[in-house]
Protein backbone atom coordinates (compact mmCIF):
# COMPACT_ATOMS: atom_id res chain seq x y z
CA MET A 1 -0.87 39.70 1.75
CA PRO A 2 0.96 38.55 4.86
CA ALA A 3 -0.71 35.83 6.88
CA SER A 4 -2.63 36.87 9.97
CA PRO A 5 -1.11 35.86 13.33
CA SER A 6 -3.68 33.07 13.78
CA THR A 7 -3.06 31.73 10.26
CA ALA A 8 0.69 31.84 10.78
CA ARG A 9 0.33 29.93 14.04
CA ALA A 10 -1.82 27.27 12.35
CA ILE A 11 0.74 26.89 9.54
CA ASN A 12 3.59 26.57 12.03
CA ASP A 13 1.66 24.04 14.11
CA ARG A 14 0.91 21.89 11.05
CA LEU A 15 4.56 22.05 9.99
CA ALA A 16 5.75 20.93 13.43
CA LEU A 17 3.22 18.11 13.59
CA ARG A 18 4.17 16.94 10.12
CA LEU A 19 7.84 16.82 11.13
CA LEU A 20 7.02 14.89 14.29
CA GLN A 21 5.01 12.47 12.16
CA GLN A 22 7.83 11.95 9.66
CA GLU A 23 10.88 12.14 11.91
CA GLY A 24 9.53 10.83 15.19
CA PRO A 25 10.08 12.52 18.59
CA LEU A 26 12.17 15.72 18.46
CA THR A 27 13.57 18.28 20.84
CA ALA A 28 12.52 21.91 20.59
CA GLY A 29 16.02 22.68 19.37
CA ARG A 30 15.73 20.15 16.57
CA LEU A 31 12.31 21.52 15.64
CA LYS A 32 13.89 24.96 15.40
CA GLN A 33 16.55 23.62 13.03
CA LEU A 34 14.10 21.76 10.82
CA THR A 35 11.44 24.49 10.64
CA GLY A 36 13.73 27.52 10.50
CA LEU A 37 11.50 29.23 13.04
CA SER A 38 12.79 31.36 15.88
CA ARG A 39 13.30 29.89 19.34
CA PRO A 40 10.39 31.88 20.87
CA THR A 41 8.07 30.80 18.04
CA VAL A 42 8.98 27.15 18.54
CA ALA A 43 8.52 27.49 22.30
CA ASP A 44 5.05 28.97 21.73
CA LEU A 45 3.95 26.24 19.33
CA VAL A 46 5.24 23.48 21.62
CA GLU A 47 3.26 24.98 24.50
CA ARG A 48 0.18 25.32 22.28
CA LEU A 49 0.31 21.76 20.94
CA THR A 50 0.96 20.34 24.39
CA ALA A 51 -2.00 22.22 25.87
CA ALA A 52 -4.18 20.94 23.01
CA GLY A 53 -3.24 17.35 23.86
CA LEU A 54 -1.60 16.71 20.49
CA ILE A 55 1.99 16.28 21.71
CA SER A 56 3.65 15.40 25.01
CA VAL A 57 7.08 14.92 26.52
CA VAL A 58 8.21 11.37 25.68
CA GLY A 59 11.77 11.49 26.99
CA GLU A 60 14.96 13.47 27.29
CA SER A 61 17.94 13.94 25.05
CA GLY A 62 21.45 14.24 26.42
CA GLU A 63 22.86 16.80 24.04
CA GLN A 64 26.51 17.81 23.89
CA ARG A 65 26.12 20.95 25.95
CA ARG A 66 26.06 22.10 29.53
CA GLY A 67 22.86 22.25 31.52
CA PRO A 68 19.90 19.90 31.87
CA ASN A 69 18.89 17.41 29.20
CA ALA A 70 16.52 18.67 26.52
CA LYS A 71 12.92 17.45 26.56
CA VAL A 72 11.89 15.29 23.63
CA TYR A 73 8.39 15.82 22.27
CA GLY A 74 6.29 13.35 20.32
CA ILE A 75 2.75 13.00 19.01
CA VAL A 76 0.35 11.58 21.60
CA ALA A 77 0.09 8.02 20.33
CA ASP A 78 -3.28 7.09 21.83
CA LEU A 79 -4.94 10.19 20.43
CA ALA A 80 -6.74 7.81 18.05
CA HIS A 81 -6.80 4.17 17.02
CA LEU A 82 -6.73 3.06 13.41
CA ALA A 83 -7.44 -0.15 11.53
CA ALA A 84 -6.16 -1.34 8.16
CA LEU A 85 -7.67 -4.22 6.17
CA ASP A 86 -6.37 -6.25 3.27
CA VAL A 87 -9.46 -7.80 1.68
CA ARG A 88 -8.75 -10.73 -0.62
CA THR A 89 -10.97 -13.25 -2.36
CA GLU A 90 -9.88 -15.89 0.14
CA GLY A 91 -10.03 -13.90 3.37
CA VAL A 92 -9.22 -10.75 5.34
CA CYS A 93 -6.18 -9.51 7.26
CA VAL A 94 -6.45 -6.65 9.76
CA VAL A 95 -4.00 -4.62 11.80
CA VAL A 96 -4.89 -2.08 14.51
CA THR A 97 -2.45 0.69 15.45
CA ASP A 98 -2.23 3.94 17.34
CA VAL A 99 -2.07 7.25 15.49
CA VAL A 100 1.71 7.10 15.02
CA GLY A 101 1.55 3.64 13.47
CA GLU A 102 2.58 1.40 16.38
CA VAL A 103 0.99 -2.01 15.79
CA LEU A 104 -1.24 -3.04 18.71
CA ALA A 105 -3.05 -6.06 17.28
CA GLU A 106 -3.04 -8.22 14.16
CA ALA A 107 -5.46 -10.88 12.99
CA SER A 108 -6.70 -12.71 9.91
CA VAL A 109 -9.53 -15.01 8.93
CA PRO A 110 -9.94 -17.25 5.86
CA ILE A 111 -13.24 -16.99 4.03
CA GLY A 112 -14.03 -19.90 1.71
CA ASP A 113 -15.64 -19.66 -1.71
CA ASP A 114 -18.70 -21.49 -0.38
CA THR A 115 -19.31 -18.98 2.42
CA GLY A 116 -22.51 -16.99 1.93
CA THR A 117 -22.42 -13.22 1.61
CA GLY A 118 -23.96 -12.54 5.03
CA PRO A 119 -21.72 -14.94 6.99
CA ALA A 120 -18.63 -13.72 5.11
CA VAL A 121 -19.36 -10.09 5.99
CA GLU A 122 -20.05 -11.03 9.62
CA GLN A 123 -16.74 -12.92 9.88
CA ALA A 124 -14.80 -9.95 8.52
CA VAL A 125 -16.53 -7.34 10.70
CA ALA A 126 -16.20 -9.52 13.80
CA LEU A 127 -12.48 -9.86 13.05
CA VAL A 128 -12.06 -6.09 13.06
CA GLU A 129 -14.02 -5.76 16.29
CA ARG A 130 -11.95 -8.46 18.01
CA ALA A 131 -8.68 -6.89 16.90
CA ALA A 132 -9.81 -3.47 18.14
CA LYS A 133 -10.75 -4.96 21.50
CA GLU A 134 -7.39 -6.72 21.75
CA ALA A 135 -5.66 -3.41 21.01
CA GLY A 136 -7.59 -1.70 23.80
CA ALA A 137 -9.36 0.62 21.39
CA GLU A 138 -12.77 1.70 22.62
CA GLN A 139 -13.50 3.02 19.15
CA LEU A 140 -11.69 3.30 15.83
CA HIS A 141 -11.09 6.72 14.35
CA THR A 142 -10.27 5.70 10.76
CA VAL A 143 -10.36 2.41 8.86
CA GLY A 144 -8.35 1.97 5.66
CA ILE A 145 -9.39 -0.86 3.34
CA GLY A 146 -7.48 -2.31 0.43
CA ALA A 147 -9.53 -4.43 -1.96
CA PRO A 148 -9.35 -5.67 -5.55
CA GLY A 149 -11.62 -3.95 -8.04
CA LEU A 150 -12.47 -0.42 -9.08
CA ILE A 151 -13.08 2.44 -6.67
CA ASP A 152 -15.59 5.03 -7.87
CA PRO A 153 -13.69 8.35 -7.76
CA ALA A 154 -16.93 10.29 -7.22
CA THR A 155 -18.24 8.30 -4.24
CA GLY A 156 -15.13 6.50 -2.98
CA GLU A 157 -17.11 3.24 -3.01
CA LEU A 158 -16.02 -0.14 -4.30
CA ARG A 159 -17.74 -0.72 -7.64
CA ASP A 160 -19.39 -3.96 -8.65
CA SER A 161 -16.77 -5.93 -10.57
CA GLY A 162 -17.28 -9.25 -12.26
CA GLY A 163 -15.48 -12.17 -10.68
CA LEU A 164 -15.18 -10.60 -7.21
CA PRO A 165 -17.17 -11.85 -4.21
CA VAL A 166 -20.32 -9.87 -3.40
CA TRP A 167 -19.26 -9.66 0.24
CA HIS A 168 -16.41 -7.31 -0.68
CA ARG A 169 -18.84 -4.51 -1.47
CA ARG A 170 -21.17 -5.35 1.43
CA LEU A 171 -18.25 -5.27 3.88
CA VAL A 172 -17.67 -1.54 3.48
CA ALA A 173 -21.28 -0.68 4.30
CA ALA A 174 -21.33 -3.15 7.20
CA LEU A 175 -18.20 -1.66 8.75
CA GLN A 176 -19.62 1.84 8.46
CA GLU A 177 -22.84 0.64 10.13
CA ARG A 178 -21.11 -1.20 12.99
CA LEU A 179 -18.47 1.52 13.45
CA PRO A 180 -20.55 4.69 13.01
CA GLU A 181 -17.90 6.94 14.56
CA ALA A 182 -15.16 5.73 12.24
CA ARG A 183 -14.18 7.16 8.89
CA VAL A 184 -13.91 4.32 6.34
CA ILE A 185 -11.57 4.82 3.37
CA VAL A 186 -11.49 2.27 0.51
CA GLU A 187 -8.73 2.06 -2.09
CA ASN A 188 -7.70 -0.37 -4.80
CA GLU A 189 -5.16 -2.87 -3.49
CA THR A 190 -2.58 -2.19 -6.21
CA ASN A 191 -2.73 1.56 -5.57
CA LEU A 192 -2.13 0.96 -1.88
CA ALA A 193 0.81 -1.31 -2.63
CA ALA A 194 2.32 1.47 -4.76
CA LEU A 195 1.92 4.01 -1.95
CA ALA A 196 3.67 1.61 0.41
CA GLU A 197 6.52 1.00 -2.05
CA GLN A 198 6.93 4.75 -2.48
CA ARG A 199 7.04 5.38 1.26
CA ASP A 200 8.83 2.32 2.60
CA GLY A 201 9.80 0.06 -0.27
CA ALA A 202 11.52 -0.21 -3.62
CA ALA A 203 10.43 3.22 -4.95
CA ARG A 204 11.52 5.41 -2.02
CA ASP A 205 13.75 7.48 -4.31
CA ARG A 206 11.26 7.81 -7.18
CA ASP A 207 8.57 10.44 -7.74
CA THR A 208 7.45 8.75 -10.95
CA PHE A 209 7.11 4.99 -11.35
CA VAL A 210 4.69 2.19 -12.18
CA LEU A 211 3.98 -0.74 -9.90
CA LEU A 212 3.16 -3.88 -11.88
CA TRP A 213 1.14 -6.14 -9.57
CA LEU A 214 1.72 -9.86 -10.08
CA GLY A 215 -0.37 -12.06 -7.83
CA HIS A 216 -3.69 -13.88 -8.06
CA GLY A 217 -4.46 -11.37 -10.82
CA THR A 218 -2.52 -8.61 -12.54
CA GLY A 219 -2.78 -4.85 -12.22
CA ALA A 220 -0.76 -1.67 -12.29
CA ALA A 221 -0.57 1.49 -10.22
CA VAL A 222 0.70 4.74 -11.69
CA VAL A 223 2.52 7.39 -9.67
CA LEU A 224 3.44 10.52 -11.62
CA ASP A 225 5.34 13.41 -10.05
CA GLY A 226 4.64 11.99 -6.61
CA THR A 227 0.88 11.70 -7.13
CA LEU A 228 -1.13 8.50 -7.48
CA ARG A 229 -3.22 8.66 -10.66
CA ARG A 230 -6.58 6.89 -10.56
CA GLY A 231 -8.13 7.91 -13.90
CA ALA A 232 -11.54 9.31 -14.83
CA SER A 233 -13.41 6.17 -13.70
CA GLY A 234 -10.91 4.90 -11.15
CA GLY A 235 -9.61 2.30 -13.58
CA THR A 236 -6.04 3.38 -14.23
CA GLY A 237 -3.87 0.28 -14.27
CA GLU A 238 -6.43 -2.37 -15.25
CA ILE A 239 -3.65 -3.99 -17.21
CA GLY A 240 -5.19 -7.44 -16.98
CA PHE A 241 -7.49 -6.35 -19.83
CA LEU A 242 -4.58 -5.20 -22.01
CA PRO A 243 -4.70 -7.05 -25.38
CA VAL A 244 -1.34 -8.78 -25.87
CA PRO A 245 0.12 -11.30 -28.30
CA GLY A 246 0.47 -14.91 -27.26
CA THR A 247 -2.95 -15.54 -25.73
CA GLY A 248 -4.95 -16.71 -28.74
CA GLN A 249 -7.94 -14.46 -28.07
CA LEU A 250 -8.94 -10.94 -27.09
CA PRO A 251 -10.30 -9.86 -23.71
CA SER A 252 -13.78 -8.45 -23.40
CA ALA A 253 -15.34 -5.72 -21.27
CA THR A 254 -16.45 -8.36 -18.77
CA ASP A 255 -13.65 -10.93 -18.99
CA CYS A 256 -9.90 -10.34 -18.97
CA GLU A 257 -9.10 -13.81 -20.36
CA GLY A 258 -7.04 -13.22 -23.47
CA GLY A 259 -5.45 -10.10 -22.00
CA PHE A 260 -2.24 -9.68 -20.04
CA HIS A 261 -3.96 -11.58 -17.23
CA SER A 262 -3.71 -14.74 -19.32
CA LEU A 263 0.07 -14.37 -19.54
CA ALA A 264 1.10 -13.30 -16.06
CA ALA A 265 -1.63 -14.05 -13.50
CA ALA A 266 -1.10 -16.82 -10.93
CA SER A 267 -3.01 -19.48 -12.87
CA ALA A 268 -0.97 -18.79 -16.01
CA ILE A 269 2.29 -19.01 -14.05
CA VAL A 270 1.30 -22.32 -12.48
CA GLN A 271 0.40 -23.68 -15.92
CA LEU A 272 3.73 -22.50 -17.33
CA ALA A 273 5.61 -24.17 -14.48
CA GLY A 274 3.77 -27.42 -15.18
CA VAL A 275 4.83 -27.35 -18.83
CA GLN A 276 8.44 -26.81 -17.72
CA GLY A 277 8.24 -29.62 -15.17
CA LEU A 278 8.60 -27.38 -12.11
CA VAL A 279 7.17 -28.39 -8.76
CA ALA A 280 7.55 -27.00 -5.25
CA ALA A 281 6.23 -27.73 -1.79
CA PRO A 282 3.19 -25.46 -1.26
CA GLU A 283 3.53 -22.70 1.33
CA ALA A 284 0.47 -21.75 3.36
CA HIS A 285 1.37 -18.05 3.46
CA GLU A 286 1.62 -17.38 -0.30
CA PRO A 287 0.04 -18.36 -3.64
CA TYR A 288 1.51 -21.48 -5.23
CA ALA A 289 2.62 -19.39 -8.22
CA ALA A 290 4.83 -17.30 -5.93
CA THR A 291 6.27 -20.45 -4.36
CA LEU A 292 7.20 -21.77 -7.81
CA VAL A 293 8.82 -18.49 -8.83
CA ARG A 294 10.74 -18.31 -5.55
CA ALA A 295 12.07 -21.83 -6.03
CA ALA A 296 13.20 -21.08 -9.58
CA ALA A 297 14.83 -17.78 -8.59
CA ALA A 298 16.77 -19.53 -5.81
CA THR A 299 18.65 -21.66 -8.38
CA PRO A 300 18.22 -19.76 -11.66
CA ASP A 301 21.05 -21.58 -13.44
CA ALA A 302 19.26 -24.93 -13.38
CA PRO A 303 18.12 -25.53 -16.98
CA ALA A 304 14.42 -25.97 -16.19
CA HIS A 305 14.43 -22.97 -13.85
CA ALA A 306 16.22 -20.80 -16.40
CA ARG A 307 13.71 -21.69 -19.13
CA PHE A 308 10.79 -20.99 -16.80
CA LEU A 309 12.18 -17.62 -15.68
CA ASP A 310 13.07 -16.61 -19.24
CA ILE A 311 9.57 -17.31 -20.55
CA LEU A 312 7.96 -15.60 -17.56
CA ALA A 313 10.19 -12.55 -18.05
CA ASP A 314 9.22 -12.46 -21.74
CA ARG A 315 5.56 -12.37 -20.73
CA ILE A 316 5.93 -9.72 -18.05
CA ALA A 317 8.03 -7.54 -20.36
CA ILE A 318 5.18 -7.44 -22.90
CA GLY A 319 2.89 -5.77 -20.38
CA ALA A 320 5.65 -3.58 -18.98
CA ALA A 321 6.64 -2.37 -22.46
CA SER A 322 3.09 -1.19 -23.14
CA VAL A 323 3.04 0.81 -19.92
CA VAL A 324 6.48 2.29 -20.56
CA ALA A 325 5.57 3.31 -24.11
CA VAL A 326 2.58 5.32 -22.88
CA LEU A 327 3.82 6.75 -19.58
CA ASP A 328 7.64 6.74 -19.73
CA PRO A 329 7.86 6.22 -15.94
CA GLY A 330 11.59 5.46 -15.85
CA CYS A 331 11.01 2.78 -13.23
CA VAL A 332 8.83 -0.33 -13.03
CA VAL A 333 8.43 -2.14 -9.72
CA LEU A 334 7.40 -5.80 -9.87
CA GLY A 335 4.99 -6.06 -6.97
CA GLY A 336 2.64 -8.58 -5.44
CA GLU A 337 3.63 -11.98 -4.11
CA VAL A 338 5.09 -13.09 -7.44
CA GLY A 339 7.11 -9.90 -7.93
CA ARG A 340 8.69 -10.23 -4.53
CA ALA A 341 9.27 -13.96 -4.96
CA GLY A 342 11.13 -13.39 -8.22
CA GLY A 343 13.30 -10.76 -6.59
CA ASP A 344 16.29 -9.28 -8.36
CA VAL A 345 16.67 -12.39 -10.52
CA LEU A 346 13.33 -11.93 -12.26
CA ALA A 347 13.59 -8.11 -12.28
CA ALA A 348 16.93 -8.25 -14.09
CA ARG A 349 15.53 -10.56 -16.75
CA VAL A 350 12.50 -8.29 -17.30
CA GLU A 351 14.72 -5.20 -17.50
CA GLU A 352 16.93 -6.83 -20.11
CA ARG A 353 13.94 -7.68 -22.29
CA LEU A 354 12.32 -4.31 -21.76
CA ALA A 355 15.46 -2.60 -23.04
CA ARG A 356 15.08 -4.56 -26.28
CA LEU A 357 11.38 -3.79 -26.62
CA SER A 358 11.33 -0.07 -25.83
CA PRO A 359 13.57 2.90 -26.73
CA LEU A 360 12.60 4.51 -23.41
CA PRO A 361 14.92 3.66 -20.52
CA ALA A 362 13.22 1.99 -17.56
CA GLU A 363 14.78 0.44 -14.51
CA VAL A 364 13.00 -2.66 -13.23
CA ARG A 365 13.05 -3.32 -9.49
CA ALA A 366 11.62 -6.07 -7.32
CA SER A 367 9.16 -5.19 -4.59
CA THR A 368 10.57 -5.22 -1.08
CA LEU A 369 7.10 -5.48 0.45
CA GLY A 370 5.33 -8.09 -1.67
CA GLY A 371 1.81 -9.03 -0.63
CA GLY A 372 2.24 -7.16 2.66
CA GLY A 373 2.34 -3.90 0.73
CA VAL A 374 -1.45 -3.72 0.53
CA LEU A 375 -1.88 -3.81 4.31
CA ARG A 376 0.98 -1.35 4.74
CA GLY A 377 -0.58 1.01 2.18
CA ALA A 378 -4.00 0.74 3.85
CA LEU A 379 -2.42 1.64 7.18
CA LEU A 380 -0.59 4.63 5.68
CA THR A 381 -3.85 5.83 4.13
CA ALA A 382 -5.75 5.45 7.40
CA ARG A 383 -2.98 7.15 9.35
CA GLU A 384 -2.71 10.12 7.01
CA GLY A 385 -6.49 10.47 6.83
CA ALA A 386 -6.75 10.49 10.62
CA GLN A 387 -3.91 12.94 11.06
CA GLU A 388 -5.44 15.31 8.54
CA VAL A 389 -8.56 15.42 10.71
CA LEU A 390 -6.82 15.48 14.08
CA PHE A 391 -4.07 17.91 13.18
CA GLY A 392 -6.27 20.08 11.03
CA ARG A 393 -8.53 21.15 13.88
CA PRO A 394 -8.02 24.67 15.22
CA VAL A 395 -5.29 24.99 17.83
CA ARG A 396 -5.46 28.06 20.08
């Protein structure tokens, strides 16, 4: 059955808003080209969306034609304010933006291991409130949170995971209590990093790929046919628990020691560097393991650096080969601070070893976002969640 006039208008409005979201400000003529709609239909929807306060004139375009310049329309940026959080064991980073993603404020706070649960939660919530105030946001519409651990697919809540600070779980409830008008969305940090790599990073041209997270811990995110796969319990990609050779023991349901974590997590990389005699000046902005890998990748022909990178690539390839054998993703992105630090040098070594381990072809790429991918993914999630609400409301 053909769509009713009101349904057709709603579909056209959503299409136009989606294009303005993806492409940025556009003229009515460009909207006509991109949507394939008639000039009168585009004129009607522009008038409708403007009257609804969703779009406004943001400039003019001097097109190659006679007559006055064409008006350029864009989404009303201050329609809503959003916050994105990257929650780590050692602290929290937050960014506040408008609804089109323009950054208005950024802040971070370290939270030590000896900080109690209550004070830790208060520090994190106060950080968000200060950043929102600095951004001029009277209230936040949507908050996206990236955190380590499992997200319950039924409730969307962060599950209790061994080894993670209790304040991580308490933070979500505290934010919802202090920001009652805001929608709070929680997602696993590795999944968010994969979304960011797919949108803005190393996997922009891939609908199917696996992100192998290499940082303080290890993890994987799986994107198949353009869709992030979380699994029945939200645990897809818990590769740290993967039993692998070379660790001397097996992991357990409550401890990933003996799994892939023991080969490729930050502590294992630092230990490997020590055996190879590698040292580097610590950097405050990244884990020491990433600093060591970056130093080795900068001069990979030095004998000690070459040995270190070769052994590390051997270890990473073991985990990658297991993922490739099951999923055949065609592309593996080395993410996290270590993946980015290793860059193309480490990625090439892993790809070479993976080709020997698996009959399935898989390109290995280095992350272009690194640790910042989590915050970027949290922002994308918050932005898309807010726009679904704002742009999904009836427009007359």
